[in-house]
Structures are given as structure tokens and as C-alpha cells.
């Protein structure tokens, strides 16, 4: 980002050991892009108001299905955290 962003209370951010890599729900970092050299990825699916948890799980499963089909990747088991 070109300038600092003020986060809302309880806003979700994703970080690695050095930097913020995503501000949920829409601000990804250039460091998170998938390139031809990418070997591993971490898929994060998050719910939003009025979208049922099962729909979010189905989206994760669809994404991992495509990864298996087109790249031979092996997905880990989804971790589901309780929502509000």
C-alpha cells in the first residue's frame, strides 16, 4: 500500500513472519501472488454476513479440487473456526 490504512475494530489481517500480507476481505499483497515458480499455497476462505458457513466450506473444497485436478497438489484438511 502506498499509505497507512486505519483498520476497523476486529478486522482480520494475515501476516507472515515479516509483514502484513492481506487485509480481509480484499487487500492482498504482491507477495501472495501465485507464479510459475510457486510450490505451495495457503488457501484462506472466510465467511461474510449472509453467506452460510457451509457455502464457504464448499468454496474451499472446490478450490482444492481444482488444485488437485490441474496441478496434482495435495490439500490439507480444512480448519473450520466457529463464527458468530
Protein backbone atom coordinates (compact mmCIF):
# COMPACT_ATOMS: atom_id res chain seq x y z
CA UNK A 1 0.00 0.00 0.00
CA UNK A 2 1.14 3.48 -0.73
CA UNK A 3 0.00 4.89 2.61
CA UNK A 4 -1.05 3.50 6.00
CA UNK A 5 -4.58 2.13 6.36
CA UNK A 6 -6.64 2.54 9.52
CA UNK A 7 -8.12 -0.83 10.43
CA UNK A 8 -11.61 -1.27 11.81
CA UNK A 9 -12.15 -2.91 15.19
CA UNK A 10 -11.83 -6.70 14.89
CA UNK A 11 -10.71 -6.53 11.25
CA UNK A 12 -8.89 -9.68 10.17
CA UNK A 13 -5.35 -9.43 8.81
CA UNK A 14 -3.00 -12.17 7.64
CA UNK A 15 0.73 -11.91 8.26
CA UNK A 16 3.88 -13.87 7.72
CA UNK A 17 6.89 -13.53 10.00
CA UNK A 18 7.86 -10.19 8.43
CA UNK A 19 4.85 -8.28 7.11
CA UNK A 20 1.12 -7.93 6.65
CA UNK A 21 0.24 -9.93 3.55
CA UNK A 22 -3.53 -9.44 3.40
CA UNK A 23 -6.21 -7.28 4.93
CA UNK A 24 -9.50 -9.16 4.85
CA UNK A 25 -11.60 -9.17 2.80
CA UNK A 26 -9.96 -7.59 -0.23
CA UNK A 27 -6.40 -6.32 0.16
CA UNK A 28 -3.84 -8.91 -0.89
CA UNK A 29 -0.13 -8.30 -1.09
CA UNK A 30 2.05 -8.60 -4.16
CA UNK A 31 3.99 -11.13 -2.08
CA UNK A 32 0.99 -13.50 -2.10
CA UNK A 33 0.58 -13.87 -5.85
CA UNK A 34 0.89 -17.30 -7.45
CA UNK A 35 3.63 -17.54 -10.08
CA UNK A 36 5.09 -20.29 -12.26
CA UNK A 37 7.65 -20.90 -9.50
CA UNK A 38 5.07 -21.32 -6.73
CA UNK A 39 5.35 -24.68 -4.98
CA UNK A 40 2.99 -24.30 -2.02
CA UNK A 41 -0.01 -22.13 -1.32
CA UNK A 42 -2.16 -21.50 1.71
CA UNK A 43 -5.84 -21.10 0.88
CA UNK A 44 -7.89 -18.99 3.26
CA UNK A 45 -11.64 -18.81 2.91
CA UNK A 46 -13.56 -16.50 5.21
CA UNK A 47 -17.25 -16.03 5.65
CA UNK A 48 -19.15 -12.80 5.40
CA UNK A 49 -22.57 -11.82 6.72
CA UNK A 50 -25.45 -13.61 4.95
CA UNK A 51 -23.18 -16.33 3.49
CA UNK A 52 -23.67 -19.65 5.26
CA UNK A 53 -20.61 -21.42 6.68
CA UNK A 54 -21.33 -24.50 4.54
CA UNK A 55 -21.10 -22.38 1.37
CA UNK A 56 -17.66 -21.12 2.45
CA UNK A 57 -16.54 -24.71 3.09
CA UNK A 58 -17.82 -25.73 -0.36
CA UNK A 59 -15.82 -22.89 -1.95
CA UNK A 60 -12.66 -24.15 -0.22
CA UNK A 61 -13.35 -27.69 -1.39
CA UNK A 62 -13.94 -26.52 -4.97
CA UNK A 63 -10.64 -24.63 -4.95
CA UNK A 64 -8.68 -27.58 -3.58
CA UNK A 65 -10.39 -29.84 -6.12
CA UNK A 66 -9.13 -27.65 -8.97
CA UNK A 67 -5.64 -27.65 -7.48
CA UNK A 68 -5.63 -31.45 -7.29
CA UNK A 69 -7.02 -31.82 -10.82
CA UNK A 70 -4.80 -29.31 -12.59
CA UNK A 71 -1.59 -29.33 -10.55
CA UNK A 72 -1.50 -32.64 -8.74
CA UNK A 73 -1.48 -30.74 -5.46
CA UNK A 74 -2.42 -32.37 -2.18
CA UNK A 75 -4.71 -30.28 0.04
CA UNK A 76 -4.63 -30.39 3.80
CA UNK A 77 -7.76 -30.87 5.83
CA UNK A 78 -9.75 -27.66 6.17
CA UNK A 79 -9.69 -25.99 9.58
CA UNK A 80 -13.07 -24.54 10.43
CA UNK A 81 -13.31 -21.96 13.15
CA UNK A 82 -16.58 -21.07 14.84
CA UNK A 83 -18.29 -17.96 13.58
CA UNK A 84 -20.61 -15.56 15.21
